[in-house]
Amino acid sequence: VHDGDGSEVLRLCRELGCREFVLAAIRPRCWN
């Protein structure tokens, strides 16, 4: 992820009816 902690993506996955999963959101040291 560029910023944040992935929670918005996870919320939307659930709204789409996605199966349960473990999310590891990684914010790298330098995106580019």
PDB file of all heavy atoms in Angstrom:
ATOM      1  N   VAL A   1       0.841  -1.190   0.000  1.00  0.00           N
ATOM      2  CA  VAL A   1       0.000   0.000   0.000  1.00  0.00           C
ATOM      3  C   VAL A   1       0.882   1.248   0.000  1.00  0.00           C
ATOM      4  O   VAL A   1       1.963   1.262   0.590  1.00  0.00           O
ATOM      5  CB  VAL A   1      -0.954   0.018   1.215  1.00  0.00           C
ATOM      6  CG1 VAL A   1      -1.941  -1.132   1.136  1.00  0.00           C
ATOM      7  CG2 VAL A   1      -0.192  -0.023   2.533  1.00  0.00           C
ATOM      8  N   HIS A   2       0.392   2.286  -0.668  1.00  0.00           N
ATOM      9  CA  HIS A   2       1.129   3.550  -0.706  1.00  0.00           C
ATOM     10  C   HIS A   2       0.997   4.301   0.605  1.00  0.00           C
ATOM     11  O   HIS A   2       1.939   4.935   1.087  1.00  0.00           O
ATOM     12  CB  HIS A   2       0.616   4.414  -1.859  1.00  0.00           C
ATOM     13  CG  HIS A   2       1.404   5.670  -2.072  1.00  0.00           C
ATOM     14  ND1 HIS A   2       1.082   6.864  -1.447  1.00  0.00           N
ATOM     15  CD2 HIS A   2       2.502   5.917  -2.823  1.00  0.00           C
ATOM     16  CE1 HIS A   2       1.949   7.794  -1.820  1.00  0.00           C
ATOM     17  NE2 HIS A   2       2.811   7.250  -2.658  1.00  0.00           N
ATOM     18  N   ASP A   3      -0.201   4.254   1.195  1.00  0.00           N
ATOM     19  CA  ASP A   3      -0.443   4.869   2.502  1.00  0.00           C
ATOM     20  C   ASP A   3      -1.576   4.089   3.170  1.00  0.00           C
ATOM     21  O   ASP A   3      -2.186   3.195   2.576  1.00  0.00           O
ATOM     22  CB  ASP A   3      -0.792   6.355   2.384  1.00  0.00           C
ATOM     23  CG  ASP A   3      -1.850   6.630   1.328  1.00  0.00           C
ATOM     24  OD1 ASP A   3      -2.759   5.775   1.154  1.00  0.00           O
ATOM     25  OD2 ASP A   3      -1.787   7.677   0.674  1.00  0.00           O
ATOM     26  N   GLY A   4      -1.850   4.416   4.416  1.00  0.00           N
ATOM     27  CA  GLY A   4      -2.895   3.712   5.139  1.00  0.00           C
ATOM     28  C   GLY A   4      -2.458   2.324   5.568  1.00  0.00           C
ATOM     29  O   GLY A   4      -1.285   1.954   5.500  1.00  0.00           O
ATOM     30  N   ASP A   5      -3.456   1.524   5.999  1.00  0.00           N
ATOM     31  CA  ASP A   5      -3.160   0.197   6.531  1.00  0.00           C
ATOM     32  C   ASP A   5      -3.974  -0.906   5.861  1.00  0.00           C
ATOM     33  O   ASP A   5      -4.050  -2.019   6.373  1.00  0.00           O
ATOM     34  CB  ASP A   5      -3.412   0.166   8.046  1.00  0.00           C
ATOM     35  CG  ASP A   5      -4.883   0.405   8.402  1.00  0.00           C
ATOM     36  OD1 ASP A   5      -5.708   0.633   7.485  1.00  0.00           O
ATOM     37  OD2 ASP A   5      -5.208   0.363   9.606  1.00  0.00           O
ATOM     38  N   GLY A   6      -4.558  -0.599   4.710  1.00  0.00           N
ATOM     39  CA  GLY A   6      -5.318  -1.601   3.977  1.00  0.00           C
ATOM     40  C   GLY A   6      -6.741  -1.804   4.450  1.00  0.00           C
ATOM     41  O   GLY A   6      -7.486  -2.605   3.868  1.00  0.00           O
ATOM     42  N   SER A   7      -7.167  -1.085   5.492  1.00  0.00           N
ATOM     43  CA  SER A   7      -8.492  -1.341   6.069  1.00  0.00           C
ATOM     44  C   SER A   7      -9.623  -0.995   5.105  1.00  0.00           C
ATOM     45  O   SER A   7     -10.673  -1.649   5.114  1.00  0.00           O
ATOM     46  CB  SER A   7      -8.654  -0.581   7.383  1.00  0.00           C
ATOM     47  OG  SER A   7      -8.478   0.805   7.197  1.00  0.00           O
ATOM     48  N   GLU A   8      -9.446   0.030   4.265  1.00  0.00           N
ATOM     49  CA  GLU A   8     -10.502   0.389   3.314  1.00  0.00           C
ATOM     50  C   GLU A   8     -10.665  -0.703   2.258  1.00  0.00           C
ATOM     51  O   GLU A   8     -11.795  -1.067   1.891  1.00  0.00           O
ATOM     52  CB  GLU A   8     -10.189   1.726   2.650  1.00  0.00           C
ATOM     53  CG  GLU A   8     -11.197   2.188   1.605  1.00  0.00           C
ATOM     54  CD  GLU A   8     -12.577   2.509   2.176  1.00  0.00           C
ATOM     55  OE1 GLU A   8     -12.753   2.493   3.409  1.00  0.00           O
ATOM     56  OE2 GLU A   8     -13.493   2.757   1.368  1.00  0.00           O
ATOM     57  N   VAL A   9      -9.568  -1.235   1.769  1.00  0.00           N
ATOM     58  CA  VAL A   9      -9.648  -2.343   0.814  1.00  0.00           C
ATOM     59  C   VAL A   9     -10.335  -3.534   1.461  1.00  0.00           C
ATOM     60  O   VAL A   9     -11.202  -4.182   0.859  1.00  0.00           O
ATOM     61  CB  VAL A   9      -8.244  -2.725   0.312  1.00  0.00           C
ATOM     62  CG1 VAL A   9      -8.297  -4.000  -0.524  1.00  0.00           C
ATOM     63  CG2 VAL A   9      -7.639  -1.592  -0.514  1.00  0.00           C
ATOM     64  N   LEU A  10      -9.979  -3.831   2.697  1.00  0.00           N
ATOM     65  CA  LEU A  10     -10.585  -4.962   3.400  1.00  0.00           C
ATOM     66  C   LEU A  10     -12.091  -4.759   3.592  1.00  0.00           C
ATOM     67  O   LEU A  10     -12.892  -5.681   3.385  1.00  0.00           O
ATOM     68  CB  LEU A  10      -9.898  -5.144   4.748  1.00  0.00           C
ATOM     69  CG  LEU A  10     -10.290  -6.349   5.587  1.00  0.00           C
ATOM     70  CD1 LEU A  10     -10.095  -7.652   4.812  1.00  0.00           C
ATOM     71  CD2 LEU A  10      -9.492  -6.370   6.875  1.00  0.00           C
ATOM     72  N   ARG A  11     -12.487  -3.544   3.946  1.00  0.00           N
ATOM     73  CA  ARG A  11     -13.912  -3.251   4.123  1.00  0.00           C
ATOM     74  C   ARG A  11     -14.673  -3.475   2.823  1.00  0.00           C
ATOM     75  O   ARG A  11     -15.762  -4.074   2.803  1.00  0.00           O
ATOM     76  CB  ARG A  11     -14.096  -1.806   4.591  1.00  0.00           C
ATOM     77  CG  ARG A  11     -15.554  -1.405   4.837  1.00  0.00           C
ATOM     78  CD  ARG A  11     -15.688   0.069   5.167  1.00  0.00           C
ATOM     79  NE  ARG A  11     -15.377   0.930   4.044  1.00  0.00           N
ATOM     80  CZ  ARG A  11     -16.215   1.188   3.042  1.00  0.00           C
ATOM     81  NH1 ARG A  11     -17.435   0.635   3.023  1.00  0.00           N
ATOM     82  NH2 ARG A  11     -15.856   1.990   2.051  1.00  0.00           N
ATOM     83  N   LEU A  12     -14.114  -3.014   1.717  1.00  0.00           N
ATOM     84  CA  LEU A  12     -14.776  -3.161   0.432  1.00  0.00           C
ATOM     85  C   LEU A  12     -14.802  -4.616  -0.025  1.00  0.00           C
ATOM     86  O   LEU A  12     -15.768  -5.055  -0.660  1.00  0.00           O
ATOM     87  CB  LEU A  12     -14.084  -2.281  -0.608  1.00  0.00           C
ATOM     88  CG  LEU A  12     -14.286  -0.777  -0.406  1.00  0.00           C
ATOM     89  CD1 LEU A  12     -13.310   0.027  -1.258  1.00  0.00           C
ATOM     90  CD2 LEU A  12     -15.730  -0.384  -0.736  1.00  0.00           C
ATOM     91  N   CYS A  13     -13.756  -5.370   0.298  1.00  0.00           N
ATOM     92  CA  CYS A  13     -13.781  -6.806   0.000  1.00  0.00           C
ATOM     93  C   CYS A  13     -14.984  -7.458   0.661  1.00  0.00           C
ATOM     94  O   CYS A  13     -15.687  -8.279   0.056  1.00  0.00           O
ATOM     95  CB  CYS A  13     -12.492  -7.472   0.483  1.00  0.00           C
ATOM     96  SG  CYS A  13     -11.060  -7.210  -0.579  1.00  0.00           S
ATOM     97  N   ARG A  14     -15.237  -7.088   1.893  1.00  0.00           N
ATOM     98  CA  ARG A  14     -16.371  -7.674   2.617  1.00  0.00           C
ATOM     99  C   ARG A  14     -17.703  -7.231   2.017  1.00  0.00           C
ATOM    100  O   ARG A  14     -18.643  -8.019   1.921  1.00  0.00           O
ATOM    101  CB  ARG A  14     -16.270  -7.313   4.089  1.00  0.00           C
ATOM    102  CG  ARG A  14     -15.139  -8.070   4.785  1.00  0.00           C
ATOM    103  CD  ARG A  14     -14.912  -7.626   6.195  1.00  0.00           C
ATOM    104  NE  ARG A  14     -13.914  -8.485   6.842  1.00  0.00           N
ATOM    105  CZ  ARG A  14     -13.123  -8.120   7.824  1.00  0.00           C
ATOM    106  NH1 ARG A  14     -13.193  -6.879   8.292  1.00  0.00           N
ATOM    107  NH2 ARG A  14     -12.254  -8.964   8.348  1.00  0.00           N
ATOM    108  N   GLU A  15     -17.768  -5.983   1.586  1.00  0.00           N
ATOM    109  CA  GLU A  15     -19.000  -5.520   0.943  1.00  0.00           C
ATOM    110  C   GLU A  15     -19.272  -6.276  -0.354  1.00  0.00           C
ATOM    111  O   GLU A  15     -20.425  -6.466  -0.748  1.00  0.00           O
ATOM    112  CB  GLU A  15     -18.922  -4.019   0.666  1.00  0.00           C
ATOM    113  CG  GLU A  15     -19.039  -3.144   1.904  1.00  0.00           C
ATOM    114  CD  GLU A  15     -19.140  -1.672   1.566  1.00  0.00           C
ATOM    115  OE1 GLU A  15     -19.155  -1.331   0.354  1.00  0.00           O
ATOM    116  OE2 GLU A  15     -19.194  -0.855   2.502  1.00  0.00           O
ATOM    117  N   LEU A  16     -18.198  -6.707  -1.009  1.00  0.00           N
ATOM    118  CA  LEU A  16     -18.339  -7.463  -2.257  1.00  0.00           C
ATOM    119  C   LEU A  16     -18.638  -8.935  -2.005  1.00  0.00           C
ATOM    120  O   LEU A  16     -18.799  -9.709  -2.959  1.00  0.00           O
ATOM    121  CB  LEU A  16     -17.057  -7.336  -3.080  1.00  0.00           C
ATOM    122  CG  LEU A  16     -16.749  -5.947  -3.655  1.00  0.00           C
ATOM    123  CD1 LEU A  16     -15.343  -5.904  -4.224  1.00  0.00           C
ATOM    124  CD2 LEU A  16     -17.772  -5.551  -4.705  1.00  0.00           C
ATOM    125  N   GLY A  17     -18.700  -9.335  -0.734  1.00  0.00           N
ATOM    126  CA  GLY A  17     -18.994 -10.723  -0.407  1.00  0.00           C
ATOM    127  C   GLY A  17     -17.803 -11.641  -0.491  1.00  0.00           C
ATOM    128  O   GLY A  17     -17.956 -12.866  -0.611  1.00  0.00           O
ATOM    129  N   CYS A  18     -16.608 -11.079  -0.416  1.00  0.00           N
ATOM    130  CA  CYS A  18     -15.391 -11.874  -0.489  1.00  0.00           C
ATOM    131  C   CYS A  18     -15.307 -12.826   0.696  1.00  0.00           C
ATOM    132  O   CYS A  18     -15.729 -12.505   1.806  1.00  0.00           O
ATOM    133  CB  CYS A  18     -14.180 -10.938  -0.498  1.00  0.00           C
ATOM    134  SG  CYS A  18     -12.582 -11.772  -0.673  1.00  0.00           S
ATOM    135  N   ARG A  19     -14.721 -13.980   0.488  1.00  0.00           N
ATOM    136  CA  ARG A  19     -14.511 -14.928   1.572  1.00  0.00           C
ATOM    137  C   ARG A  19     -13.538 -14.331   2.589  1.00  0.00           C
ATOM    138  O   ARG A  19     -12.789 -13.396   2.300  1.00  0.00           O
ATOM    139  CB  ARG A  19     -13.945 -16.239   1.035  1.00  0.00           C
ATOM    140  CG  ARG A  19     -12.577 -16.110   0.358  1.00  0.00           C
ATOM    141  CD  ARG A  19     -11.944 -17.446   0.097  1.00  0.00           C
ATOM    142  NE  ARG A  19     -11.728 -18.170   1.349  1.00  0.00           N
ATOM    143  CZ  ARG A  19     -11.081 -19.335   1.427  1.00  0.00           C
ATOM    144  NH1 ARG A  19     -10.616 -19.908   0.335  1.00  0.00           N
ATOM    145  NH2 ARG A  19     -10.913 -19.922   2.589  1.00  0.00           N
ATOM    146  N   GLU A  20     -13.536 -14.864   3.793  1.00  0.00           N
ATOM    147  CA  GLU A  20     -12.631 -14.374   4.836  1.00  0.00           C
ATOM    148  C   GLU A  20     -11.177 -14.644   4.453  1.00  0.00           C
ATOM    149  O   GLU A  20     -10.863 -15.679   3.854  1.00  0.00           O
ATOM    150  CB  GLU A  20     -12.941 -15.044   6.169  1.00  0.00           C
ATOM    151  CG  GLU A  20     -14.296 -14.679   6.751  1.00  0.00           C
ATOM    152  CD  GLU A  20     -14.269 -13.337   7.468  1.00  0.00           C
ATOM    153  OE1 GLU A  20     -13.334 -12.542   7.253  1.00  0.00           O
ATOM    154  OE2 GLU A  20     -15.201 -13.083   8.247  1.00  0.00           O
ATOM    155  N   PHE A  21     -10.300 -13.728   4.819  1.00  0.00           N
ATOM    156  CA  PHE A  21      -8.875 -13.923   4.601  1.00  0.00           C
ATOM    157  C   PHE A  21      -8.100 -13.066   5.582  1.00  0.00           C
ATOM    158  O   PHE A  21      -8.638 -12.152   6.207  1.00  0.00           O
ATOM    159  CB  PHE A  21      -8.484 -13.582   3.159  1.00  0.00           C
ATOM    160  CG  PHE A  21      -8.694 -12.136   2.766  1.00  0.00           C
ATOM    161  CD1 PHE A  21      -7.657 -11.214   2.842  1.00  0.00           C
ATOM    162  CD2 PHE A  21      -9.921 -11.695   2.295  1.00  0.00           C
ATOM    163  CE1 PHE A  21      -7.838  -9.882   2.479  1.00  0.00           C
ATOM    164  CE2 PHE A  21     -10.125 -10.374   1.923  1.00  0.00           C
ATOM    165  CZ  PHE A  21      -9.080  -9.465   2.013  1.00  0.00           C
ATOM    166  N   VAL A  22      -6.829 -13.383   5.719  1.00  0.00           N
ATOM    167  CA  VAL A  22      -5.908 -12.574   6.508  1.00  0.00           C
ATOM    168  C   VAL A  22      -5.245 -11.581   5.556  1.00  0.00           C
ATOM    169  O   VAL A  22      -4.748 -11.970   4.495  1.00  0.00           O
ATOM    170  CB  VAL A  22      -4.848 -13.451   7.198  1.00  0.00           C
ATOM    171  CG1 VAL A  22      -3.800 -12.590   7.896  1.00  0.00           C
ATOM    172  CG2 VAL A  22      -5.512 -14.407   8.190  1.00  0.00           C
ATOM    173  N   LEU A  23      -5.247 -10.313   5.918  1.00  0.00           N
ATOM    174  CA  LEU A  23      -4.619  -9.285   5.090  1.00  0.00           C
ATOM    175  C   LEU A  23      -3.356  -8.776   5.759  1.00  0.00           C
ATOM    176  O   LEU A  23      -3.386  -8.332   6.909  1.00  0.00           O
ATOM    177  CB  LEU A  23      -5.576  -8.116   4.863  1.00  0.00           C
ATOM    178  CG  LEU A  23      -4.994  -6.925   4.099  1.00  0.00           C
ATOM    179  CD1 LEU A  23      -4.636  -7.321   2.665  1.00  0.00           C
ATOM    180  CD2 LEU A  23      -5.968  -5.747   4.092  1.00  0.00           C
ATOM    181  N   ALA A  24      -2.249  -8.840   5.036  1.00  0.00           N
ATOM    182  CA  ALA A  24      -1.007  -8.222   5.476  1.00  0.00           C
ATOM    183  C   ALA A  24      -0.730  -7.043   4.557  1.00  0.00           C
ATOM    184  O   ALA A  24      -0.336  -7.223   3.399  1.00  0.00           O
ATOM    185  CB  ALA A  24       0.148  -9.220   5.438  1.00  0.00           C
ATOM    186  N   ALA A  25      -0.997  -5.840   5.051  1.00  0.00           N
ATOM    187  CA  ALA A  25      -0.792  -4.616   4.270  1.00  0.00           C
ATOM    188  C   ALA A  25       0.606  -4.086   4.545  1.00  0.00           C
ATOM    189  O   ALA A  25       0.959  -3.838   5.701  1.00  0.00           O
ATOM    190  CB  ALA A  25      -1.841  -3.579   4.627  1.00  0.00           C
ATOM    191  N   ILE A  26       1.390  -3.915   3.497  1.00  0.00           N
ATOM    192  CA  ILE A  26       2.797  -3.557   3.620  1.00  0.00           C
ATOM    193  C   ILE A  26       3.014  -2.171   3.031  1.00  0.00           C
ATOM    194  O   ILE A  26       2.781  -1.951   1.832  1.00  0.00           O
ATOM    195  CB  ILE A  26       3.692  -4.567   2.878  1.00  0.00           C
ATOM    196  CG1 ILE A  26       3.392  -5.991   3.356  1.00  0.00           C
ATOM    197  CG2 ILE A  26       5.170  -4.216   3.042  1.00  0.00           C
ATOM    198  CD1 ILE A  26       3.767  -7.048   2.341  1.00  0.00           C
ATOM    199  N   ARG A  27       3.451  -1.243   3.842  1.00  0.00           N
ATOM    200  CA  ARG A  27       3.799   0.090   3.351  1.00  0.00           C
ATOM    201  C   ARG A  27       5.313   0.138   3.205  1.00  0.00           C
ATOM    202  O   ARG A  27       6.045   0.172   4.190  1.00  0.00           O
ATOM    203  CB  ARG A  27       3.298   1.169   4.316  1.00  0.00           C
ATOM    204  CG  ARG A  27       3.368   2.567   3.726  1.00  0.00           C
ATOM    205  CD  ARG A  27       2.564   3.565   4.545  1.00  0.00           C
ATOM    206  NE  ARG A  27       3.143   3.790   5.862  1.00  0.00           N
ATOM    207  CZ  ARG A  27       2.560   3.484   7.008  1.00  0.00           C
ATOM    208  NH1 ARG A  27       1.371   2.921   7.023  1.00  0.00           N
ATOM    209  NH2 ARG A  27       3.149   3.741   8.153  1.00  0.00           N
ATOM    210  N   PRO A  28       5.821   0.108   1.966  1.00  0.00           N
ATOM    211  CA  PRO A  28       7.271   0.010   1.770  1.00  0.00           C
ATOM    212  C   PRO A  28       8.000   1.293   2.132  1.00  0.00           C
ATOM    213  O   PRO A  28       7.397   2.362   2.253  1.00  0.00           O
ATOM    214  CB  PRO A  28       7.401  -0.303   0.282  1.00  0.00           C
ATOM    215  CG  PRO A  28       6.174   0.284  -0.336  1.00  0.00           C
ATOM    216  CD  PRO A  28       5.088   0.155   0.694  1.00  0.00           C
ATOM    217  N   ARG A  29       9.285   1.158   2.274  1.00  0.00           N
ATOM    218  CA  ARG A  29      10.130   2.303   2.646  1.00  0.00           C
ATOM    219  C   ARG A  29      10.063   3.395   1.592  1.00  0.00           C
ATOM    220  O   ARG A  29       9.936   4.574   1.895  1.00  0.00           O
ATOM    221  CB  ARG A  29      11.569   1.804   2.819  1.00  0.00           C
ATOM    222  CG  ARG A  29      12.615   2.855   3.140  1.00  0.00           C
ATOM    223  CD  ARG A  29      13.975   2.198   3.173  1.00  0.00           C
ATOM    224  NE  ARG A  29      14.184   1.398   1.964  1.00  0.00           N
ATOM    225  CZ  ARG A  29      15.184   0.539   1.820  1.00  0.00           C
ATOM    226  NH1 ARG A  29      16.039   0.337   2.800  1.00  0.00           N
ATOM    227  NH2 ARG A  29      15.317  -0.132   0.690  1.00  0.00           N
ATOM    228  N   CYS A  30      10.156   3.019   0.315  1.00  0.00           N
ATOM    229  CA  CYS A  30      10.077   3.987  -0.788  1.00  0.00           C
ATOM    230  C   CYS A  30       9.288   3.359  -1.929  1.00  0.00           C
ATOM    231  O   CYS A  30       9.769   2.432  -2.585  1.00  0.00           O
ATOM    232  CB  CYS A  30      11.468   4.399  -1.262  1.00  0.00           C
ATOM    233  SG  CYS A  30      11.418   5.610  -2.622  1.00  0.00           S
ATOM    234  N   TRP A  31       8.099   3.833  -2.155  1.00  0.00           N
ATOM    235  CA  TRP A  31       7.172   3.269  -3.137  1.00  0.00           C
ATOM    236  C   TRP A  31       7.802   3.186  -4.522  1.00  0.00           C
ATOM    237  O   TRP A  31       7.788   2.131  -5.167  1.00  0.00           O
ATOM    238  CB  TRP A  31       5.918   4.129  -3.159  1.00  0.00           C
ATOM    239  CG  TRP A  31       4.841   3.752  -4.105  1.00  0.00           C
ATOM    240  CD1 TRP A  31       4.615   4.279  -5.339  1.00  0.00           C
ATOM    241  CD2 TRP A  31       3.804   2.781  -3.893  1.00  0.00           C
ATOM    242  NE1 TRP A  31       3.500   3.701  -5.909  1.00  0.00           N
ATOM    243  CE2 TRP A  31       2.984   2.781  -5.037  1.00  0.00           C
ATOM    244  CE3 TRP A  31       3.488   1.925  -2.837  1.00  0.00           C
ATOM    245  CZ2 TRP A  31       1.874   1.953  -5.169  1.00  0.00           C
ATOM    246  CZ3 TRP A  31       2.377   1.097  -2.964  1.00  0.00           C
ATOM    247  CH2 TRP A  31       1.597   1.120  -4.116  1.00  0.00           C
ATOM    248  N   ASN A  32       8.363   4.290  -5.015  1.00  0.00           N
ATOM    249  CA  ASN A  32       8.878   4.323  -6.385  1.00  0.00           C
ATOM    250  C   ASN A  32      10.122   3.465  -6.577  1.00  0.00           C
ATOM    251  O   ASN A  32      10.368   2.966  -7.676  1.00  0.00           O
ATOM    252  CB  ASN A  32       9.203   5.762  -6.794  1.00  0.00           C
ATOM    253  CG  ASN A  32       7.966   6.581  -7.106  1.00  0.00           C
ATOM    254  OD1 ASN A  32       6.843   6.088  -7.037  1.00  0.00           O
ATOM    255  ND2 ASN A  32       8.166   7.840  -7.432  1.00  0.00           N
TER     256      ASN A  32
END
